[in-house]
């Protein structure tokens, strides 16, 4: 009983704190964090929660956070926000600060207009569903490739 309660608490903390650690200032960056949280982190946390308790797979992250990196445009002129997802594993104390965060565990970009999220797999970008175990084709070559950095 206590083990299942601990798993539930870890899954809940993973969901609750997905984007709460960073405080982006511009509305575009805030939208991107919310989009990545809804389109990638929450489905990933619920998939990991369904894993069997005797699985040999690596235990899921206890906490994840989204860090927006830059607001840019690709070669077709579409605006996107590049992001990185940091993770914490195991038990930790909030006073430990940044030491327990493992940076850049997931890299990708979010297109705000089309509400699409892409993650990097190897050298190519794939839709976020690839991280959930679904078969996907690589996105076009200009996806998430910066040509112009937008400053605000």
N, C-alpha and C. Protein backbone atom coordinates (compact mmCIF):
# COMPACT_ATOMS: atom_id res chain seq x y z
N UNK A 1 0.82 -1.19 0.00
CA UNK A 1 0.00 0.00 0.00
C UNK A 1 0.87 1.26 0.00
N UNK A 2 1.89 1.28 0.86
CA UNK A 2 2.74 2.47 0.94
C UNK A 2 3.52 2.68 -0.34
N UNK A 3 3.92 1.58 -0.99
CA UNK A 3 4.68 1.70 -2.23
C UNK A 3 3.82 2.34 -3.31
N UNK A 4 2.55 1.92 -3.43
CA UNK A 4 1.68 2.51 -4.44
C UNK A 4 1.37 3.96 -4.12
N UNK A 5 1.30 4.29 -2.82
CA UNK A 5 1.09 5.69 -2.43
C UNK A 5 2.29 6.54 -2.82
N UNK A 6 3.50 6.00 -2.64
CA UNK A 6 4.70 6.73 -3.03
C UNK A 6 4.75 6.96 -4.53
N UNK A 7 4.35 5.96 -5.30
CA UNK A 7 4.34 6.11 -6.76
C UNK A 7 3.34 7.18 -7.16
N UNK A 8 2.18 7.18 -6.50
CA UNK A 8 1.16 8.18 -6.80
C UNK A 8 1.66 9.58 -6.46
N UNK A 9 2.33 9.73 -5.33
CA UNK A 9 2.87 11.04 -4.94
C UNK A 9 3.93 11.49 -5.93
N UNK A 10 4.81 10.59 -6.36
CA UNK A 10 5.84 10.96 -7.33
C UNK A 10 5.24 11.36 -8.66
N UNK A 11 4.25 10.61 -9.12
CA UNK A 11 3.61 10.95 -10.39
C UNK A 11 2.89 12.28 -10.30
N UNK A 12 2.24 12.54 -9.17
CA UNK A 12 1.54 13.81 -8.98
C UNK A 12 2.52 14.97 -8.92
N UNK A 13 3.65 14.78 -8.22
CA UNK A 13 4.63 15.88 -8.16
C UNK A 13 5.24 16.13 -9.52
N UNK A 14 5.38 15.08 -10.32
CA UNK A 14 5.90 15.25 -11.67
C UNK A 14 4.93 16.06 -12.52
N UNK A 15 3.64 15.79 -12.36
CA UNK A 15 2.64 16.54 -13.12
C UNK A 15 2.54 17.98 -12.63
N UNK A 16 2.55 18.16 -11.33
CA UNK A 16 2.32 19.49 -10.77
C UNK A 16 3.47 20.45 -11.02
N UNK A 17 4.67 19.93 -11.08
CA UNK A 17 5.82 20.83 -11.15
C UNK A 17 6.46 20.86 -12.53
N UNK A 18 5.76 20.39 -13.53
CA UNK A 18 6.37 20.29 -14.85
C UNK A 18 6.90 21.63 -15.34
N UNK A 19 6.16 22.71 -15.19
CA UNK A 19 6.63 23.99 -15.67
C UNK A 19 6.74 25.03 -14.59
N UNK A 20 6.64 24.62 -13.34
CA UNK A 20 6.55 25.60 -12.26
C UNK A 20 7.90 26.16 -11.83
N UNK A 21 9.01 25.51 -12.17
CA UNK A 21 10.31 25.97 -11.70
C UNK A 21 10.80 27.20 -12.45
N UNK A 22 10.45 27.33 -13.70
CA UNK A 22 10.94 28.45 -14.48
C UNK A 22 9.84 29.49 -14.61
N UNK A 23 10.24 30.73 -14.70
CA UNK A 23 9.29 31.83 -14.83
C UNK A 23 9.61 32.64 -16.08
N UNK A 24 9.17 32.17 -17.26
CA UNK A 24 9.45 32.94 -18.47
C UNK A 24 8.71 34.27 -18.45
N UNK A 25 9.31 35.27 -19.05
CA UNK A 25 8.76 36.62 -18.97
C UNK A 25 7.83 36.96 -20.12
N UNK A 26 8.14 36.59 -21.33
CA UNK A 26 7.29 37.00 -22.45
C UNK A 26 6.10 36.05 -22.59
N UNK A 27 4.98 36.55 -23.13
CA UNK A 27 3.80 35.70 -23.29
C UNK A 27 4.05 34.52 -24.22
N UNK A 28 4.90 34.68 -25.24
CA UNK A 28 5.19 33.58 -26.16
C UNK A 28 5.89 32.44 -25.43
N UNK A 29 6.84 32.80 -24.56
CA UNK A 29 7.56 31.77 -23.82
C UNK A 29 6.63 31.07 -22.83
N UNK A 30 5.73 31.82 -22.20
CA UNK A 30 4.76 31.21 -21.28
C UNK A 30 3.83 30.26 -22.03
N UNK A 31 3.40 30.65 -23.22
CA UNK A 31 2.56 29.77 -24.04
C UNK A 31 3.31 28.50 -24.42
N UNK A 32 4.57 28.64 -24.75
CA UNK A 32 5.38 27.48 -25.14
C UNK A 32 5.52 26.50 -23.97
N UNK A 33 5.77 27.02 -22.77
CA UNK A 33 5.90 26.16 -21.59
C UNK A 33 4.59 25.42 -21.34
N UNK A 34 3.46 26.12 -21.45
CA UNK A 34 2.16 25.48 -21.26
C UNK A 34 1.89 24.43 -22.34
N UNK A 35 2.28 24.71 -23.57
CA UNK A 35 2.08 23.78 -24.68
C UNK A 35 2.92 22.51 -24.48
N UNK A 36 4.17 22.66 -24.08
CA UNK A 36 5.04 21.51 -23.85
C UNK A 36 4.53 20.70 -22.66
N UNK A 37 4.05 21.39 -21.63
CA UNK A 37 3.50 20.71 -20.46
C UNK A 37 2.30 19.85 -20.85
N UNK A 38 1.38 20.43 -21.62
CA UNK A 38 0.15 19.72 -22.01
C UNK A 38 0.40 18.67 -23.09
N UNK A 39 1.29 18.94 -24.03
CA UNK A 39 1.48 18.05 -25.16
C UNK A 39 2.56 17.00 -24.99
N UNK A 40 3.44 17.17 -23.98
CA UNK A 40 4.54 16.22 -23.82
C UNK A 40 4.66 15.70 -22.39
N UNK A 41 4.79 16.60 -21.41
CA UNK A 41 5.11 16.17 -20.06
C UNK A 41 3.97 15.43 -19.37
N UNK A 42 2.75 15.94 -19.48
CA UNK A 42 1.63 15.24 -18.82
C UNK A 42 1.35 13.88 -19.44
N UNK A 43 1.29 13.75 -20.79
CA UNK A 43 1.10 12.41 -21.35
C UNK A 43 2.26 11.47 -21.01
N UNK A 44 3.47 11.99 -20.95
CA UNK A 44 4.63 11.17 -20.60
C UNK A 44 4.53 10.68 -19.16
N UNK A 45 4.13 11.56 -18.25
CA UNK A 45 3.98 11.17 -16.84
C UNK A 45 2.87 10.13 -16.66
N UNK A 46 1.76 10.28 -17.38
CA UNK A 46 0.69 9.30 -17.23
C UNK A 46 1.09 7.96 -17.84
N UNK A 47 1.87 7.97 -18.93
CA UNK A 47 2.36 6.71 -19.52
C UNK A 47 3.31 6.02 -18.55
N UNK A 48 4.18 6.79 -17.93
CA UNK A 48 5.13 6.21 -16.97
C UNK A 48 4.42 5.70 -15.73
N UNK A 49 3.32 6.31 -15.36
CA UNK A 49 2.56 5.88 -14.19
C UNK A 49 1.91 4.51 -14.42
N UNK A 50 1.60 4.18 -15.69
CA UNK A 50 0.97 2.91 -16.03
C UNK A 50 1.97 1.75 -16.08
N UNK A 51 3.25 2.03 -16.01
CA UNK A 51 4.28 1.00 -16.08
C UNK A 51 4.13 0.04 -14.89
N UNK A 52 4.40 -1.24 -15.13
CA UNK A 52 4.32 -2.24 -14.08
C UNK A 52 5.34 -1.99 -12.98
N UNK A 53 4.98 -2.36 -11.75
CA UNK A 53 5.89 -2.04 -10.65
C UNK A 53 7.13 -2.92 -10.62
N UNK A 54 7.13 -4.04 -11.36
CA UNK A 54 8.30 -4.90 -11.41
C UNK A 54 9.05 -4.74 -12.74
N UNK A 55 8.84 -3.64 -13.42
CA UNK A 55 9.50 -3.39 -14.69
C UNK A 55 10.99 -3.23 -14.50
N UNK A 56 11.75 -3.65 -15.50
CA UNK A 56 13.21 -3.48 -15.46
C UNK A 56 13.64 -2.14 -16.02
N UNK A 57 12.70 -1.39 -16.56
CA UNK A 57 13.03 -0.09 -17.13
C UNK A 57 13.49 0.87 -16.04
N UNK A 58 14.25 1.86 -16.44
CA UNK A 58 14.72 2.87 -15.49
C UNK A 58 13.51 3.56 -14.85
N UNK A 59 13.55 3.79 -13.55
CA UNK A 59 12.44 4.49 -12.90
C UNK A 59 12.23 5.87 -13.53
N UNK A 60 10.98 6.29 -13.63
CA UNK A 60 10.72 7.60 -14.24
C UNK A 60 11.26 8.74 -13.37
N UNK A 61 11.36 9.90 -13.98
CA UNK A 61 11.82 11.08 -13.25
C UNK A 61 10.81 11.45 -12.17
N UNK A 62 11.31 11.90 -11.04
CA UNK A 62 10.43 12.34 -9.96
C UNK A 62 9.86 13.72 -10.28
N UNK A 63 10.60 14.50 -11.02
CA UNK A 63 10.18 15.86 -11.35
C UNK A 63 10.79 16.26 -12.68
N UNK A 64 10.03 17.04 -13.45
CA UNK A 64 10.52 17.58 -14.71
C UNK A 64 10.18 19.06 -14.79
N UNK A 65 11.02 19.81 -15.49
CA UNK A 65 10.72 21.23 -15.73
C UNK A 65 11.12 21.59 -17.15
N UNK A 66 10.42 22.57 -17.69
CA UNK A 66 10.67 23.05 -19.05
C UNK A 66 11.45 24.35 -18.97
N UNK A 67 12.53 24.43 -19.74
CA UNK A 67 13.29 25.67 -19.86
C UNK A 67 13.19 26.16 -21.29
N UNK A 68 12.49 27.27 -21.56
CA UNK A 68 12.50 27.81 -22.91
C UNK A 68 13.87 28.39 -23.22
N UNK A 69 14.39 28.08 -24.39
CA UNK A 69 15.74 28.52 -24.75
C UNK A 69 15.76 29.76 -25.63
N UNK A 70 14.98 29.73 -26.71
CA UNK A 70 14.96 30.89 -27.59
C UNK A 70 13.68 30.92 -28.41
N UNK A 71 13.30 32.12 -28.81
CA UNK A 71 12.18 32.34 -29.71
C UNK A 71 12.81 32.63 -31.07
N UNK A 72 12.46 31.83 -32.09
CA UNK A 72 13.13 31.96 -33.39
C UNK A 72 12.14 31.67 -34.52
N UNK A 73 12.63 31.79 -35.74
CA UNK A 73 11.85 31.46 -36.95
C UNK A 73 12.65 30.47 -37.77
N UNK A 74 11.92 29.56 -38.43
CA UNK A 74 12.59 28.62 -39.32
C UNK A 74 12.65 29.20 -40.73
N UNK A 75 13.16 28.44 -41.69
CA UNK A 75 13.35 28.95 -43.05
C UNK A 75 12.04 29.26 -43.77
N UNK A 76 10.93 28.65 -43.34
CA UNK A 76 9.63 28.96 -43.95
C UNK A 76 8.95 30.14 -43.26
N UNK A 77 9.58 30.72 -42.25
CA UNK A 77 9.05 31.91 -41.59
C UNK A 77 8.16 31.63 -40.39
N UNK A 78 7.98 30.38 -40.01
CA UNK A 78 7.14 30.03 -38.87
C UNK A 78 7.91 30.24 -37.56
N UNK A 79 7.26 30.86 -36.59
CA UNK A 79 7.88 31.11 -35.29
C UNK A 79 7.78 29.87 -34.41
N UNK A 80 8.86 29.58 -33.68
CA UNK A 80 8.86 28.47 -32.73
C UNK A 80 9.70 28.84 -31.52
N UNK A 81 9.51 28.09 -30.45
CA UNK A 81 10.29 28.27 -29.24
C UNK A 81 11.07 26.98 -28.99
N UNK A 82 12.39 27.07 -28.96
CA UNK A 82 13.23 25.93 -28.62
C UNK A 82 13.19 25.75 -27.11
N UNK A 83 13.16 24.49 -26.66
CA UNK A 83 13.09 24.24 -25.22
C UNK A 83 13.97 23.06 -24.84
N UNK A 84 14.24 22.96 -23.54
CA UNK A 84 14.93 21.82 -22.96
C UNK A 84 14.15 21.40 -21.72
N UNK A 85 14.11 20.10 -21.47
CA UNK A 85 13.44 19.58 -20.28
C UNK A 85 14.51 19.02 -19.36
N UNK A 86 14.50 19.48 -18.11
CA UNK A 86 15.42 19.00 -17.08
C UNK A 86 14.66 18.03 -16.18
N UNK A 87 15.38 17.07 -15.58
CA UNK A 87 14.75 16.06 -14.74
C UNK A 87 15.48 15.91 -13.42
N UNK A 88 14.73 15.46 -12.41
CA UNK A 88 15.29 15.03 -11.13
C UNK A 88 14.84 13.60 -10.89
N UNK A 89 15.74 12.77 -10.37
CA UNK A 89 15.42 11.37 -10.08
C UNK A 89 15.61 11.10 -8.60
N UNK A 90 14.83 10.14 -8.09
CA UNK A 90 14.97 9.72 -6.71
C UNK A 90 14.40 10.71 -5.72
N UNK A 91 14.77 10.52 -4.48
CA UNK A 91 14.30 11.40 -3.40
C UNK A 91 15.24 12.58 -3.28
N UNK A 92 14.69 13.74 -3.00
CA UNK A 92 15.50 14.94 -2.90
C UNK A 92 14.83 15.92 -1.97
N UNK A 93 15.58 16.88 -1.53
CA UNK A 93 15.09 17.93 -0.65
C UNK A 93 15.07 19.22 -1.46
N UNK A 94 14.04 20.02 -1.31
CA UNK A 94 13.92 21.27 -2.06
C UNK A 94 15.09 22.22 -1.78
N UNK A 95 15.73 22.10 -0.63
CA UNK A 95 16.84 23.00 -0.29
C UNK A 95 18.12 22.65 -1.05
N UNK A 96 18.13 21.52 -1.76
CA UNK A 96 19.34 21.12 -2.48
C UNK A 96 19.60 21.98 -3.71
N UNK A 97 18.60 22.72 -4.16
CA UNK A 97 18.79 23.66 -5.26
C UNK A 97 18.99 22.99 -6.60
N UNK A 98 19.88 23.56 -7.39
CA UNK A 98 20.09 23.14 -8.78
C UNK A 98 20.96 21.89 -8.90
N UNK A 99 21.56 21.43 -7.82
CA UNK A 99 22.51 20.32 -7.91
C UNK A 99 21.89 19.02 -8.40
N UNK A 100 20.66 18.76 -8.07
CA UNK A 100 20.04 17.48 -8.41
C UNK A 100 19.34 17.47 -9.77
N UNK A 101 19.28 18.59 -10.45
CA UNK A 101 18.65 18.63 -11.77
C UNK A 101 19.62 18.10 -12.82
N UNK A 102 19.15 17.19 -13.66
CA UNK A 102 19.93 16.70 -14.79
C UNK A 102 19.42 17.47 -16.00
N UNK A 103 20.26 18.28 -16.57
CA UNK A 103 19.83 19.21 -17.62
C UNK A 103 19.75 18.53 -18.99
N UNK A 104 18.90 19.13 -19.84
CA UNK A 104 18.78 18.77 -21.26
C UNK A 104 18.49 17.29 -21.50
N UNK A 105 17.57 16.71 -20.75
CA UNK A 105 17.19 15.32 -20.97
C UNK A 105 16.31 15.15 -22.20
N UNK A 106 15.53 16.17 -22.50
CA UNK A 106 14.72 16.19 -23.72
C UNK A 106 14.94 17.55 -24.37
N UNK A 107 15.26 17.56 -25.65
CA UNK A 107 15.39 18.80 -26.40
C UNK A 107 14.32 18.83 -27.48
N UNK A 108 13.84 20.01 -27.80
CA UNK A 108 12.82 20.09 -28.84
C UNK A 108 12.41 21.51 -29.12
N UNK A 109 11.26 21.64 -29.80
CA UNK A 109 10.72 22.95 -30.09
C UNK A 109 9.21 22.88 -30.14
N UNK A 110 8.57 24.01 -29.93
CA UNK A 110 7.11 24.10 -29.94
C UNK A 110 6.71 25.22 -30.89
N UNK A 111 5.84 24.89 -31.84
CA UNK A 111 5.28 25.88 -32.76
C UNK A 111 3.98 26.37 -32.16
N UNK A 112 3.91 27.66 -31.82
CA UNK A 112 2.75 28.20 -31.12
C UNK A 112 1.52 28.30 -32.00
N UNK A 113 1.68 28.69 -33.26
CA UNK A 113 0.52 28.85 -34.15
C UNK A 113 -0.18 27.53 -34.42
N UNK A 114 0.58 26.50 -34.75
CA UNK A 114 -0.01 25.20 -35.08
C UNK A 114 -0.16 24.31 -33.84
N UNK A 115 0.38 24.74 -32.69
CA UNK A 115 0.32 24.00 -31.43
C UNK A 115 0.95 22.61 -31.55
N UNK A 116 2.07 22.54 -32.27
CA UNK A 116 2.80 21.29 -32.45
C UNK A 116 4.05 21.30 -31.58
N UNK A 117 4.38 20.14 -31.03
CA UNK A 117 5.58 19.98 -30.22
C UNK A 117 6.43 18.90 -30.87
N UNK A 118 7.71 19.19 -31.05
CA UNK A 118 8.66 18.25 -31.65
C UNK A 118 9.78 17.98 -30.66
N UNK A 119 10.29 16.75 -30.65
CA UNK A 119 11.42 16.38 -29.81
C UNK A 119 12.55 15.87 -30.69
N UNK A 120 13.77 16.05 -30.21
CA UNK A 120 14.94 15.64 -30.98
C UNK A 120 15.25 14.18 -30.70
N UNK A 121 15.38 13.40 -31.77
CA UNK A 121 15.80 12.00 -31.70
C UNK A 121 16.94 11.84 -32.69
N UNK A 122 18.13 11.66 -32.18
CA UNK A 122 19.30 11.60 -33.05
C UNK A 122 19.56 12.98 -33.64
N UNK A 123 19.61 13.04 -34.96
CA UNK A 123 19.84 14.32 -35.63
C UNK A 123 18.55 14.96 -36.13
N UNK A 124 17.44 14.21 -36.09
CA UNK A 124 16.16 14.69 -36.63
C UNK A 124 15.18 15.04 -35.51
N UNK A 125 14.17 15.80 -35.87
CA UNK A 125 13.09 16.12 -34.95
C UNK A 125 11.86 15.30 -35.33
N UNK A 126 11.18 14.79 -34.32
CA UNK A 126 9.97 13.99 -34.49
C UNK A 126 8.85 14.61 -33.68
N UNK A 127 7.58 14.33 -34.04
CA UNK A 127 6.48 14.79 -33.20
C UNK A 127 6.61 14.24 -31.78
N UNK A 128 6.04 14.92 -30.80
CA UNK A 128 6.17 14.54 -29.39
C UNK A 128 5.64 13.14 -29.12
N UNK A 129 4.76 12.63 -29.96
CA UNK A 129 4.22 11.28 -29.79
C UNK A 129 5.33 10.23 -29.83
N UNK A 130 6.46 10.54 -30.46
CA UNK A 130 7.59 9.62 -30.51
C UNK A 130 8.12 9.33 -29.11
N UNK A 131 8.06 10.30 -28.24
CA UNK A 131 8.54 10.12 -26.87
C UNK A 131 7.58 9.25 -26.06
N UNK A 132 6.36 9.09 -26.56
CA UNK A 132 5.35 8.28 -25.89
C UNK A 132 5.32 6.86 -26.42
N UNK A 133 6.27 6.51 -27.28
CA UNK A 133 6.38 5.16 -27.78
C UNK A 133 5.63 4.90 -29.08
N UNK A 134 5.14 5.94 -29.72
CA UNK A 134 4.41 5.76 -30.97
C UNK A 134 5.37 5.92 -32.14
N UNK A 135 5.08 5.20 -33.23
CA UNK A 135 5.91 5.31 -34.43
C UNK A 135 5.59 6.62 -35.13
N UNK A 136 6.63 7.37 -35.44
CA UNK A 136 6.46 8.64 -36.14
C UNK A 136 7.52 8.77 -37.22
N UNK A 137 7.22 9.58 -38.20
CA UNK A 137 8.19 9.90 -39.23
C UNK A 137 8.88 11.19 -38.83
N UNK A 138 10.11 11.33 -39.28
CA UNK A 138 10.86 12.56 -38.99
C UNK A 138 10.16 13.76 -39.63
N UNK A 139 10.21 14.87 -38.94
CA UNK A 139 9.63 16.11 -39.46
C UNK A 139 10.48 16.61 -40.62
N UNK A 140 9.95 17.52 -41.44
CA UNK A 140 10.76 18.09 -42.54
C UNK A 140 12.07 18.68 -42.01
N UNK A 141 13.05 18.74 -42.87
CA UNK A 141 14.41 19.14 -42.48
C UNK A 141 14.48 20.54 -41.88
N UNK A 142 13.57 21.45 -42.27
CA UNK A 142 13.65 22.82 -41.75
C UNK A 142 12.94 22.98 -40.41
N UNK A 143 12.32 21.93 -39.90
CA UNK A 143 11.63 21.99 -38.61
C UNK A 143 12.64 22.24 -37.48
N UNK A 144 12.37 23.24 -36.69
CA UNK A 144 13.18 23.60 -35.52
C UNK A 144 14.60 24.06 -35.88
N UNK A 145 14.84 24.39 -37.13
CA UNK A 145 16.16 24.88 -37.55
C UNK A 145 16.12 26.40 -37.59
N UNK A 146 16.89 27.03 -36.74
CA UNK A 146 16.89 28.47 -36.58
C UNK A 146 17.52 29.18 -37.78
N UNK A 147 16.80 30.15 -38.31
CA UNK A 147 17.37 31.02 -39.33
C UNK A 147 17.43 32.45 -38.82
N UNK A 148 16.41 32.86 -38.06
CA UNK A 148 16.36 34.21 -37.50
C UNK A 148 15.92 34.12 -36.06
N UNK A 149 16.71 34.69 -35.16
CA UNK A 149 16.34 34.72 -33.74
C UNK A 149 15.52 35.97 -33.50
N UNK A 150 14.37 35.80 -32.88
CA UNK A 150 13.48 36.92 -32.59
C UNK A 150 13.82 37.43 -31.21
N UNK A 151 14.05 38.73 -31.09
CA UNK A 151 14.36 39.33 -29.79
C UNK A 151 13.20 40.22 -29.37
N UNK A 152 12.86 40.11 -28.10
CA UNK A 152 11.79 40.94 -27.54
C UNK A 152 12.15 41.39 -26.18
